[in-house]
Protein backbone atom coordinates (compact mmCIF):
# COMPACT_ATOMS: atom_id res chain seq x y z
CA MET A 1 18.00 7.01 -19.66
CA THR A 2 15.69 7.18 -22.61
CA LEU A 3 12.95 9.13 -20.96
CA LEU A 4 14.82 11.28 -18.47
CA THR A 5 15.32 14.01 -21.07
CA THR A 6 11.61 14.17 -21.94
CA LEU A 7 9.94 13.56 -18.54
CA SER A 8 10.53 16.67 -16.44
CA ARG A 9 11.03 16.36 -12.72
CA GLY A 10 7.86 16.19 -10.68
CA PHE A 11 5.52 16.73 -13.56
CA GLY A 12 1.97 16.44 -12.39
CA PHE A 13 -0.23 16.42 -15.54
CA ALA A 14 -3.77 15.29 -15.10
CA LEU A 15 -4.56 11.75 -16.17
CA LEU A 16 -6.34 11.34 -19.41
CA ALA A 17 -10.11 10.81 -19.52
CA ALA A 18 -11.27 7.27 -19.86
CA ALA A 19 -11.05 5.99 -23.50
CA THR A 20 -14.12 4.95 -25.39
CA ALA A 21 -14.75 1.28 -24.86
CA TRP A 22 -13.39 -0.89 -27.66
CA SER A 23 -16.18 -2.55 -29.64
CA GLY A 24 -16.13 -6.30 -29.59
CA THR A 25 -17.10 -6.24 -33.31
CA SER A 26 -14.19 -4.15 -34.55
CA ALA A 27 -12.66 -5.10 -37.92
CA ALA A 28 -9.53 -6.39 -36.17
CA ALA A 29 -11.55 -8.67 -33.97
CA GLN A 30 -13.68 -9.86 -36.83
CA ASP A 31 -10.80 -11.01 -38.92
CA GLY A 32 -9.19 -12.74 -35.89
CA ASN A 33 -5.97 -10.72 -36.07
CA TRP A 34 -6.82 -7.91 -33.64
CA TRP A 35 -3.83 -8.75 -31.39
CA GLU A 36 -1.24 -8.78 -34.13
CA GLY A 37 -0.85 -4.99 -33.82
CA ILE A 38 -0.48 -5.02 -30.03
CA THR A 39 3.20 -5.26 -29.21
CA THR A 40 4.21 -7.14 -26.04
CA PHE A 41 7.93 -6.27 -25.93
CA GLY A 42 9.08 -5.97 -22.39
CA SER A 43 6.15 -7.93 -20.97
CA PRO A 44 6.81 -10.49 -18.28
CA ASP A 45 7.30 -14.10 -19.29
CA TYR A 46 4.59 -16.15 -17.69
CA SER A 47 5.32 -19.28 -19.69
CA GLY A 48 5.66 -22.37 -17.54
CA LYS A 49 4.64 -20.41 -14.46
CA ARG A 50 1.59 -20.71 -12.30
CA ALA A 51 0.03 -17.89 -10.35
CA SER A 52 0.78 -18.08 -6.64
CA LEU A 53 -2.65 -19.49 -5.79
CA GLU A 54 -3.53 -23.17 -5.99
CA ARG A 55 -6.82 -24.08 -7.63
CA THR A 56 -8.72 -25.36 -4.58
CA PRO A 57 -12.29 -24.40 -3.85
CA PRO A 58 -13.08 -22.20 -2.17
CA ARG A 59 -10.21 -20.06 -3.37
CA GLN A 60 -8.43 -18.23 -0.55
CA ASP A 61 -6.58 -14.95 -0.82
CA ASN A 62 -2.84 -15.82 -0.56
CA LEU A 63 -1.38 -12.58 0.82
CA ASN A 64 1.87 -12.30 -1.09
CA ASP A 65 1.80 -8.59 -1.66
CA LEU A 66 5.33 -7.62 -0.78
CA ARG A 67 7.73 -6.81 -3.64
CA PRO A 68 9.82 -9.86 -4.58
CA ASN A 69 13.37 -8.51 -5.11
CA GLN A 70 16.11 -6.30 -3.71
CA VAL A 71 15.59 -3.33 -6.04
CA PRO A 72 14.50 -0.25 -4.03
CA TRP A 73 11.84 2.10 -5.24
CA ARG A 74 14.43 4.85 -4.99
CA SER A 75 16.83 3.63 -7.60
CA ASP A 76 18.04 4.02 -11.20
CA GLU A 77 17.01 0.37 -11.78
CA MET A 78 13.42 1.31 -10.81
CA LEU A 79 13.43 4.34 -13.05
CA ALA A 80 14.68 2.20 -15.99
CA ALA A 81 12.04 -0.48 -15.35
CA VAL A 82 9.31 2.19 -15.29
CA GLU A 83 10.64 3.73 -18.49
CA ASN A 84 10.42 0.28 -20.17
CA ALA A 85 6.81 0.01 -18.91
CA ILE A 86 6.01 3.47 -20.31
CA ALA A 87 7.39 2.47 -23.75
CA ARG A 88 5.38 -0.71 -23.69
CA TYR A 89 2.18 1.11 -22.71
CA GLU A 90 2.74 3.83 -25.40
CA SER A 91 2.86 1.01 -27.96
CA ILE A 92 -0.37 -0.49 -26.49
CA VAL A 93 -2.16 2.90 -26.61
CA ASN A 94 -0.92 3.64 -30.21
CA LYS A 95 -2.38 0.28 -31.30
CA GLY A 96 -5.80 1.03 -29.85
CA GLY A 97 -5.53 0.01 -26.22
CA TRP A 98 -7.61 -2.85 -24.81
CA PRO A 99 -11.35 -3.69 -24.84
CA ALA A 100 -13.61 -2.60 -21.97
CA ILE A 101 -15.54 -5.49 -20.45
CA PRO A 102 -19.24 -4.73 -20.68
CA GLY A 103 -21.77 -5.26 -17.96
CA ASN A 104 -21.30 -5.42 -14.24
CA ARG A 105 -22.25 -9.00 -13.28
CA MET A 106 -19.38 -11.04 -11.74
CA LEU A 107 -17.58 -13.56 -13.90
CA ARG A 108 -16.17 -16.66 -12.22
CA PRO A 109 -14.54 -19.99 -13.04
CA GLY A 110 -16.92 -22.35 -14.74
CA ASP A 111 -19.00 -19.61 -16.41
CA SER A 112 -19.79 -19.69 -20.10
CA ASP A 113 -20.40 -16.15 -21.14
CA GLU A 114 -19.65 -14.05 -24.24
CA ARG A 115 -18.05 -11.46 -21.95
CA VAL A 116 -15.23 -13.92 -21.23
CA SER A 117 -13.99 -13.29 -24.73
CA TYR A 118 -13.60 -9.61 -23.88
CA LEU A 119 -11.77 -10.66 -20.66
CA ARG A 120 -9.40 -12.91 -22.63
CA ARG A 121 -8.52 -10.07 -25.03
CA ARG A 122 -8.05 -7.59 -22.18
CA LEU A 123 -5.65 -9.86 -20.37
CA MET A 124 -3.70 -10.75 -23.56
CA VAL A 125 -3.00 -7.13 -24.27
CA SER A 126 -1.68 -6.32 -20.77
CA GLY A 127 0.30 -9.60 -20.62
CA GLU A 128 -1.34 -11.65 -17.89
CA MET A 129 -2.67 -14.12 -20.39
CA PRO A 130 -0.56 -15.97 -23.02
CA ARG A 131 -1.17 -14.77 -26.57
CA SER A 132 -1.30 -18.41 -27.62
CA SER A 133 -4.64 -18.71 -25.90
CA SER A 134 -7.91 -18.51 -27.84
CA PHE A 135 -9.53 -15.07 -27.43
CA ASN A 136 -12.87 -16.14 -28.94
CA ASP A 137 -13.50 -18.78 -26.33
CA TYR A 138 -16.43 -18.03 -24.00
CA GLU A 139 -15.36 -20.54 -21.29
CA TYR A 140 -13.94 -19.23 -18.00
CA ASP A 141 -11.40 -22.10 -17.72
CA SER A 142 -8.32 -22.51 -15.55
CA VAL A 143 -6.20 -20.56 -18.05
CA VAL A 144 -8.47 -17.57 -17.59
CA GLU A 145 -8.56 -18.04 -13.85
CA GLN A 146 -4.81 -18.07 -13.57
CA ALA A 147 -4.55 -14.92 -15.72
CA VAL A 148 -7.11 -13.19 -13.52
CA VAL A 149 -5.12 -14.13 -10.49
CA ARG A 150 -1.96 -12.62 -12.02
CA PHE A 151 -3.88 -9.43 -12.86
CA GLN A 152 -5.16 -9.24 -9.26
CA GLU A 153 -1.67 -9.70 -7.93
CA ASN A 154 -0.33 -6.96 -10.23
CA ASN A 155 -3.09 -4.64 -9.06
CA GLY A 156 -3.04 -5.19 -5.31
CA LEU A 157 -6.48 -6.88 -5.28
CA ARG A 158 -7.72 -9.95 -3.54
CA THR A 159 -6.59 -12.95 -5.54
CA ASN A 160 -9.78 -14.88 -5.64
CA GLY A 161 -9.60 -15.73 -9.40
CA ARG A 162 -13.01 -14.06 -9.97
CA VAL A 163 -13.87 -10.83 -11.87
CA ASP A 164 -15.64 -9.25 -8.93
CA GLN A 165 -16.48 -5.51 -8.77
CA PRO A 166 -13.04 -4.19 -7.76
CA THR A 167 -11.33 -6.39 -10.35
CA LEU A 168 -13.76 -5.32 -13.08
CA ALA A 169 -13.16 -1.69 -12.21
CA ALA A 170 -9.38 -2.20 -12.44
CA LEU A 171 -9.68 -4.11 -15.77
CA ASN A 172 -11.74 -1.20 -17.21
CA VAL A 173 -9.24 1.54 -16.45
CA SER A 174 -8.15 2.47 -19.88
CA ALA A 175 -4.66 1.94 -21.37
CA GLU A 176 -4.39 5.72 -21.76
CA GLU A 177 -5.08 6.28 -18.08
CA ARG A 178 -2.56 3.59 -17.06
CA LEU A 179 0.07 5.17 -19.27
CA ALA A 180 -0.51 8.58 -17.71
CA GLN A 181 -0.33 6.92 -14.28
CA LEU A 182 3.02 5.40 -15.07
CA LYS A 183 4.35 8.76 -16.21
CA LEU A 184 3.06 10.48 -13.14
CA ASN A 185 4.75 7.94 -10.82
CA HIS A 186 7.97 8.08 -12.93
CA GLY A 187 8.01 11.79 -11.92
CA ARG A 188 7.48 10.87 -8.25
CA ILE A 189 10.30 8.32 -8.26
CA LEU A 190 12.55 10.78 -10.13
CA ASP A 191 12.00 13.33 -7.35
CA LEU A 192 13.00 10.66 -4.83
CA VAL A 193 16.39 9.97 -6.42
CA GLN A 194 17.35 13.64 -6.67
CA PRO A 195 19.55 14.07 -4.74
CA PRO A 196 20.99 10.55 -4.84
CA PRO A 197 19.73 8.06 -2.17
CA GLU A 198 21.55 7.59 1.09
CA GLU A 199 23.33 4.28 1.81
CA ARG A 200 20.89 3.54 4.53
CA TYR A 201 17.27 4.68 4.83
CA VAL A 202 13.60 3.50 5.27
CA LEU A 203 10.87 4.11 2.76
CA VAL A 204 7.15 3.62 3.27
CA ASN A 205 5.03 3.40 0.10
CA VAL A 206 1.57 4.29 1.44
CA PRO A 207 -0.74 3.01 -1.29
CA ALA A 208 1.30 -0.16 -1.57
CA PHE A 209 0.98 -0.71 2.23
CA GLN A 210 4.61 -1.70 2.56
CA LEU A 211 7.91 -0.57 3.93
CA GLU A 212 11.41 -1.23 2.71
CA ALA A 213 14.73 -0.83 4.60
CA VAL A 214 17.58 -0.12 2.25
CA GLU A 215 21.27 -0.59 2.96
CA ARG A 216 24.10 -0.05 0.43
CA TYR A 217 21.53 0.52 -2.27
CA GLN A 218 19.76 -2.81 -1.81
CA THR A 219 16.51 -3.62 0.01
CA VAL A 220 17.35 -5.74 3.04
CA LEU A 221 13.87 -5.82 4.74
CA ARG A 222 10.36 -5.50 3.63
CA HIS A 223 7.32 -5.16 5.99
CA ARG A 224 3.61 -4.84 5.55
CA VAL A 225 2.25 -1.64 7.08
CA ILE A 226 -1.06 -0.13 8.09
CA VAL A 227 -1.51 3.51 6.98
CA GLY A 228 -3.95 6.33 7.49
CA ARG A 229 -7.58 6.01 6.46
CA ASN A 230 -9.40 8.60 4.36
CA GLY A 231 -9.68 11.77 6.32
CA ARG A 232 -6.66 10.81 8.39
CA GLU A 233 -4.24 10.41 5.55
CA THR A 234 -0.60 9.47 6.02
CA PRO A 235 1.38 12.45 4.64
CA VAL A 236 4.22 12.44 2.14
CA LEU A 237 7.26 13.51 3.99
CA LYS A 238 11.01 13.16 4.65
CA ALA A 239 12.16 12.89 8.29
CA THR A 240 14.89 11.32 10.37
CA ILE A 241 14.62 8.38 12.76
CA ARG A 242 16.51 9.45 15.87
CA ASN A 243 15.01 7.50 18.82
CA LEU A 244 13.48 4.15 19.65
CA ASN A 245 11.04 4.15 22.52
CA PHE A 246 10.41 0.76 24.16
CA PHE A 247 7.27 0.41 26.30
CA PRO A 248 6.14 3.95 25.50
CA TYR A 249 3.30 5.92 26.87
CA TRP A 250 0.86 7.00 24.18
CA ARG A 251 0.23 10.67 24.33
CA VAL A 252 -3.07 10.79 22.50
CA PRO A 253 -2.99 13.55 19.85
CA ASP A 254 -5.51 16.34 20.29
CA SER A 255 -7.17 15.48 16.99
CA VAL A 256 -7.69 11.80 18.02
CA ALA A 257 -8.94 12.81 21.49
CA LYS A 258 -11.36 15.36 20.02
CA LEU A 259 -12.70 13.32 17.09
CA ASP A 260 -12.50 9.78 18.46
CA VAL A 261 -12.18 9.45 22.17
CA PHE A 262 -14.27 12.26 23.66
CA PRO A 263 -17.36 11.35 21.72
CA ARG A 264 -16.92 7.68 22.68
CA LEU A 265 -16.62 8.58 26.39
CA VAL A 266 -20.06 10.25 26.30
CA ASN A 267 -21.68 6.84 25.93
CA GLU A 268 -18.91 4.58 27.24
CA PRO A 269 -17.44 6.18 30.34
CA ASP A 270 -15.57 3.04 31.45
CA TYR A 271 -13.54 3.04 28.23
CA LEU A 272 -10.59 4.86 29.81
CA GLN A 273 -10.27 2.24 32.58
CA LYS A 274 -10.50 -0.66 30.12
CA GLU A 275 -7.71 0.87 27.91
CA GLN A 276 -5.63 2.07 30.93
CA ILE A 277 -5.75 5.70 29.87
CA ARG A 278 -5.05 8.53 32.28
CA VAL A 279 -6.58 11.95 32.13
CA VAL A 280 -4.23 14.88 32.81
CA ARG A 281 -4.68 18.62 32.69
CA GLY A 282 -2.77 21.29 30.80
CA ASP A 283 -0.07 19.10 29.15
CA PHE A 284 0.96 15.47 29.21
CA ASN A 285 3.09 16.01 32.28
CA GLY A 286 0.26 17.86 34.12
CA PRO A 287 -1.64 16.65 37.20
CA GLU A 288 -3.86 13.61 36.79
CA ILE A 289 -7.58 14.35 37.25
CA ASP A 290 -10.70 12.28 37.87
CA PRO A 291 -12.35 11.46 34.56
CA THR A 292 -15.78 11.23 36.21
CA SER A 293 -15.54 14.94 36.97
CA ILE A 294 -15.57 15.85 33.24
CA ASP A 295 -18.48 16.42 30.93
CA TRP A 296 -17.03 14.76 27.86
CA SER A 297 -19.54 16.37 25.54
CA LEU A 298 -17.87 19.72 26.37
CA ALA A 299 -14.26 18.59 26.89
CA ASP A 300 -11.55 20.74 25.27
CA SER A 301 -8.61 18.80 23.88
CA ARG A 302 -6.37 21.87 24.40
CA VAL A 303 -6.84 21.53 28.14
CA ILE A 304 -7.71 17.86 28.77
CA LYS A 305 -5.04 15.44 27.68
CA LEU A 306 -5.07 11.59 27.54
CA LYS A 307 -2.13 9.36 28.15
CA GLN A 308 -2.16 5.61 27.82
CA ASP A 309 -0.03 3.41 30.03
CA PRO A 310 2.69 1.22 28.51
CA GLY A 311 1.89 -2.43 27.96
CA PRO A 312 0.40 -4.85 25.51
CA GLN A 313 -2.89 -2.92 25.41
CA ASN A 314 -1.08 0.30 24.37
CA ALA A 315 -2.05 1.52 20.91
CA LEU A 316 1.61 1.87 20.02
CA GLY A 317 2.35 -1.67 21.02
CA LEU A 318 5.72 -2.24 22.63
CA VAL A 319 7.92 0.10 20.57
CA ARG A 320 7.64 3.50 18.88
CA ILE A 321 10.04 4.62 16.16
CA ASP A 322 10.42 8.36 16.70
CA MET A 323 10.84 10.57 13.59
CA GLN A 324 10.11 14.20 14.54
CA ASN A 325 8.13 16.00 11.79
CA GLU A 326 5.61 18.77 11.33
CA HIS A 327 2.77 16.29 10.85
CA GLY A 328 3.29 14.53 14.22
CA VAL A 329 3.30 11.04 12.67
CA TYR A 330 5.66 8.14 13.32
CA MET A 331 6.01 4.37 13.01
CA HIS A 332 5.15 1.85 15.77
CA ASP A 333 4.07 -1.60 16.85
CA THR A 334 0.39 -2.43 17.32
CA PRO A 335 -1.71 -4.84 19.36
CA MET A 336 -4.08 -5.18 16.35
CA LYS A 337 -1.95 -7.56 14.41
CA PRO A 338 -4.81 -9.36 12.57
CA LEU A 339 -5.21 -6.19 10.45
CA PHE A 340 -1.98 -7.01 8.65
CA GLN A 341 -3.86 -9.90 6.98
CA GLN A 342 -6.10 -7.48 5.14
CA ARG A 343 -4.96 -6.64 1.61
CA SER A 344 -6.07 -3.03 1.81
CA ARG A 345 -4.68 -1.62 5.09
CA ALA A 346 -5.80 1.97 5.49
CA PHE A 347 -7.03 1.87 9.09
CA SER A 348 -4.89 4.29 11.13
CA ALA A 349 -5.21 7.93 12.11
CA GLY A 350 -2.14 8.77 10.03
CA CYS A 351 0.74 7.02 11.71
CA VAL A 352 2.29 3.84 10.22
CA ARG A 353 2.00 0.49 12.02
CA VAL A 354 4.68 -1.99 11.03
CA GLN A 355 4.28 -5.78 10.92
CA ASP A 356 7.20 -7.67 12.54
CA VAL A 357 8.42 -4.21 13.75
CA PHE A 358 11.17 -5.71 15.96
CA GLN A 359 13.12 -6.88 12.97
CA LEU A 360 13.17 -3.26 11.72
CA VAL A 361 14.15 -2.09 15.21
CA GLU A 362 17.03 -4.51 15.21
CA TRP A 363 18.20 -3.21 11.83
CA LEU A 364 17.89 0.40 12.94
CA ALA A 365 19.86 -0.15 16.17
CA LYS A 366 22.51 -2.64 14.91
CA TYR A 367 25.32 -0.03 14.72
CA GLU A 368 24.70 1.34 18.15
CA PRO A 369 27.18 0.30 20.91
CA GLY A 370 25.78 -2.69 22.75
CA TRP A 371 23.15 -3.38 20.08
CA GLU A 372 25.26 -5.34 17.62
CA ASN A 373 23.71 -8.53 18.83
CA PRO A 374 20.09 -8.87 17.56
CA GLY A 375 19.27 -10.58 20.83
CA GLN A 376 19.48 -7.22 22.60
CA VAL A 377 16.03 -6.25 21.39
CA GLN A 378 14.51 -9.40 22.82
CA ALA A 379 16.37 -8.81 26.11
CA VAL A 380 14.80 -5.36 26.37
CA LEU A 381 11.41 -6.77 25.72
CA ASP A 382 11.91 -9.53 28.30
CA MET A 383 12.94 -6.87 30.89
CA GLY A 384 9.61 -5.12 30.36
CA GLN A 385 10.86 -1.68 31.40
CA ALA A 386 10.58 1.56 29.50
CA LEU A 387 13.79 2.41 27.58
CA ASP A 388 14.59 5.17 25.11
CA VAL A 389 17.46 4.62 22.73
CA GLN A 390 18.93 7.58 20.97
CA LEU A 391 20.54 6.66 17.69
CA SER A 392 24.05 7.93 17.19
CA ARG A 393 23.57 7.21 13.49
CA PRO A 394 20.14 8.59 12.66
CA VAL A 395 18.36 7.01 9.69
CA PRO A 396 16.43 8.96 7.05
CA VAL A 397 12.83 7.90 6.42
CA TYR A 398 10.52 8.68 3.47
CA PHE A 399 6.77 8.45 3.35
CA THR A 400 5.90 8.30 -0.35
CA TYR A 401 2.82 7.85 -2.60
CA ILE A 402 3.65 5.55 -5.54
CA THR A 403 0.78 3.92 -7.22
CA ALA A 404 2.51 2.47 -10.29
CA TRP A 405 5.91 0.90 -10.86
CA ALA A 406 7.62 -1.91 -12.66
CA GLU A 407 9.84 -4.78 -11.68
CA PRO A 408 13.08 -5.73 -13.45
CA ASP A 409 11.43 -8.92 -14.81
CA GLY A 410 8.92 -6.76 -16.71
CA ARG A 411 5.94 -7.08 -14.43
CA ILE A 412 4.04 -3.85 -14.10
CA ALA A 413 2.28 -3.10 -10.76
CA PHE A 414 -0.57 -0.72 -10.07
CA ARG A 415 -2.15 0.05 -6.79
CA PRO A 416 -5.54 1.67 -5.92
CA ASP A 417 -5.32 5.42 -5.64
CA ILE A 418 -6.54 5.33 -2.10
CA TYR A 419 -6.27 9.08 -1.44
CA ARG A 420 -7.39 10.12 -4.97
CA ARG A 421 -4.25 11.95 -5.80
CA ASP A 422 -3.66 10.63 -9.33
CA GLY A 423 -6.41 12.64 -11.00
CA SER A 424 -8.47 9.77 -12.50
CA ALA A 425 -12.02 9.10 -11.37
CA ALA A 426 -11.78 5.62 -12.84
CA MET A 427 -8.76 4.67 -10.76
CA ALA A 428 -10.19 6.21 -7.63
CA GLU A 429 -13.04 3.77 -7.94
CA VAL A 430 -10.81 0.68 -7.77
CA PHE A 431 -11.35 -0.50 -4.19
CA ASP A 432 -12.53 -3.65 -2.53
CA PRO A 433 -16.02 -3.32 -1.10
CA ASP A 434 -16.31 -7.10 -0.70
CA ALA A 435 -13.29 -7.47 1.56
CA PRO A 436 -14.10 -8.81 4.95
CA PRO A 437 -14.49 -5.99 7.48
CA PRO A 438 -11.45 -5.40 9.75
CA PRO A 439 -11.73 -6.52 13.41
CA ALA A 440 -13.14 -3.96 15.75
CA GLN A 441 -10.27 -1.80 16.88
CA GLY A 442 -9.82 0.42 19.83
CA LEU A 443 -7.91 3.64 20.10
CA ALA A 444 -5.56 3.99 17.17
CA PRO A 445 -2.77 6.40 16.20
């Protein structure tokens, strides 16, 4: 591959500082030919296509954030697509990058504003807007709106068709920073494919909030996931799925008990009863004790343990996917399914909650004796009894942190650097403060 000889494995150079904003009165802009020097080779072809959102007021966020093809992140195809994206962005940078959009006021459909001309130029350079469009037009028309929606889709933002604060922040990340981000993530993907991928594995991309199950080097399942919030980050790791636990108890980790539950019990002593949580002493198999006898402001999580009964109220839902690792994290079902409708899904205490998890469980168990029939999972659920299934063919699992990649059709995707690991202050500021707050949630792994 063209870049494998020049990009060393696992390089972690710091991202470049934000470029100086491009003046709207540059010579290239004045003579009307500013875009002639900006190459668009390898850019996706949006001709004849509409963004996935219909133009109906008020615009709703159509949550189509799962990758659209069978190419895994861990693949030579992905490496080649990212290399093409790097070459394209190197050309953009060499020709001067793109203009920053001045000001901080929202732009929306129907506006007439000189800042719209900056927006048009910005979207033409990165490829979301056709180059045949007029870049000097101040009108925020349907062409601009559809281009903004494409940009939001490519950047993991709410697709509302408006240049709100998170969209503006993403637009104003410089071309130099995006190029460095692509190179950094190329190194991350290169690490993942050395040694070569297994025929069958699961991969969770944390900042993309999605999981893919791969078999015979093609993605066969994709799921939305909920990952760890800041301060309770989901780690990067490799582990092995060895067991499936139906109707599990939840053994509340000491950190969650100490930081979340004990303080809550000081003011809400009936919380344990509502959530069907038992209090035991010593270890999770120790004797049950009366919670009213404990001063929760002084409780020691090394001595006092919490164990939640199985059932629909259980924080793990109805199944736990066991993958022993030094971080004590795993994948599981959840009773808080409305959270999957959020576009940014960093709500957990480090574990990964999987939407439609029983499809994944069927795939994990399908080679086990007696589990060839997908209906077996439903039969276990209907029975309603605890069951542990040990996999005779364990499945590798990877938790990764990939914030930039490219698709075979040329589309380049970026995701907010939710844990601030990419080294750019500008990219760390791309978040969605206007998103609706998540529903109140109870105890959460």
